[in-house]
């Protein structure tokens, strides 16, 4: 994968972290330890954080493949993850 900007590369990294987060939340749920609060994901790129929180900005990032919008469309929308600036 070749990213065209630092925002895109950070957003892709957040997506992969979100996939691992979803796996771990499912694992904890399977062993009867359901997580009651959203899990925090930290990122140092403010543009990637804004992109993950608000779907209206996805229209400007059409060159990013749809599979990388999993974080925003599924995890953040369902309140399973919160993306914070570090």
Protein backbone atom coordinates (compact mmCIF):
# COMPACT_ATOMS: atom_id res chain seq x y z
CA UNK A 1 0.00 0.00 0.00
CA UNK A 2 1.35 3.39 -0.97
CA UNK A 3 -0.17 6.36 0.82
CA UNK A 4 -0.37 9.71 -0.94
CA UNK A 5 -0.26 11.82 2.24
CA UNK A 6 0.55 11.58 5.92
CA UNK A 7 -3.16 11.89 6.70
CA UNK A 8 -3.93 8.89 4.52
CA UNK A 9 -1.16 6.78 6.06
CA UNK A 10 -2.27 7.63 9.60
CA UNK A 11 -5.90 6.90 8.68
CA UNK A 12 -4.92 3.50 7.26
CA UNK A 13 -2.94 2.80 10.42
CA UNK A 14 -5.97 3.71 12.52
CA UNK A 15 -8.08 1.34 10.46
CA UNK A 16 -5.71 -1.57 11.11
CA UNK A 17 -5.60 -0.70 14.81
CA UNK A 18 -9.40 -0.60 14.77
CA UNK A 19 -9.54 -4.07 13.25
CA UNK A 20 -7.37 -5.41 16.08
CA UNK A 21 -9.50 -3.52 18.57
CA UNK A 22 -12.67 -5.13 17.19
CA UNK A 23 -11.06 -8.56 17.47
CA UNK A 24 -10.02 -7.97 21.08
CA UNK A 25 -13.46 -6.60 22.04
CA UNK A 26 -15.04 -9.74 20.54
CA UNK A 27 -12.55 -11.95 22.38
CA UNK A 28 -13.34 -10.28 25.71
CA UNK A 29 -17.06 -10.62 25.01
CA UNK A 30 -16.60 -14.35 24.29
CA UNK A 31 -14.99 -14.85 27.70
CA UNK A 32 -17.81 -12.94 29.43
CA UNK A 33 -15.88 -9.68 29.90
CA UNK A 34 -17.98 -7.35 27.75
CA UNK A 35 -16.51 -3.87 27.49
CA UNK A 36 -19.00 -1.26 28.68
CA UNK A 37 -17.14 1.87 27.56
CA UNK A 38 -15.60 2.75 24.19
CA UNK A 39 -11.93 1.92 23.76
CA UNK A 40 -9.57 4.84 23.13
CA UNK A 41 -7.36 4.83 20.05
CA UNK A 42 -4.61 7.44 20.00
CA UNK A 43 -3.30 9.20 16.89
CA UNK A 44 -0.89 12.08 16.32
CA UNK A 45 -2.46 13.35 13.08
CA UNK A 46 -5.37 15.71 13.67
CA UNK A 47 -6.63 15.46 10.10
CA UNK A 48 -6.89 11.66 10.39
CA UNK A 49 -8.78 12.06 13.67
CA UNK A 50 -11.27 14.47 12.09
CA UNK A 51 -11.67 12.13 9.13
CA UNK A 52 -12.42 9.21 11.46
CA UNK A 53 -15.04 11.16 13.44
CA UNK A 54 -17.01 12.86 10.69
CA UNK A 55 -18.24 11.03 7.59
CA UNK A 56 -18.78 14.26 5.61
CA UNK A 57 -15.02 14.57 5.13
CA UNK A 58 -14.88 11.16 3.44
CA UNK A 59 -16.17 12.76 0.24
CA UNK A 60 -12.93 14.76 0.01
CA UNK A 61 -10.86 11.61 0.45
CA UNK A 62 -12.30 9.60 -2.44
CA UNK A 63 -8.88 8.22 -3.30
CA UNK A 64 -8.83 6.23 -0.04
CA UNK A 65 -10.33 2.79 -0.59
CA UNK A 66 -13.67 2.07 1.05
CA UNK A 67 -12.24 -0.70 3.24
CA UNK A 68 -10.28 1.88 5.21
CA UNK A 69 -13.46 3.69 6.27
CA UNK A 70 -14.28 0.73 8.57
CA UNK A 71 -13.09 2.70 11.58
CA UNK A 72 -15.45 5.62 11.03
CA UNK A 73 -18.41 3.72 9.64
CA UNK A 74 -18.43 0.85 12.13
CA UNK A 75 -16.36 1.35 15.28
CA UNK A 76 -16.76 5.07 15.94
CA UNK A 77 -20.38 5.16 14.76
CA UNK A 78 -21.31 2.27 17.09
CA UNK A 79 -19.44 3.89 19.99
CA UNK A 80 -16.99 1.00 20.30
CA UNK A 81 -13.96 3.26 19.78
CA UNK A 82 -12.98 6.87 20.40
CA UNK A 83 -10.06 8.42 18.54
CA UNK A 84 -8.02 10.89 20.62
CA UNK A 85 -5.04 13.12 19.86
CA UNK A 86 -1.73 12.31 21.48
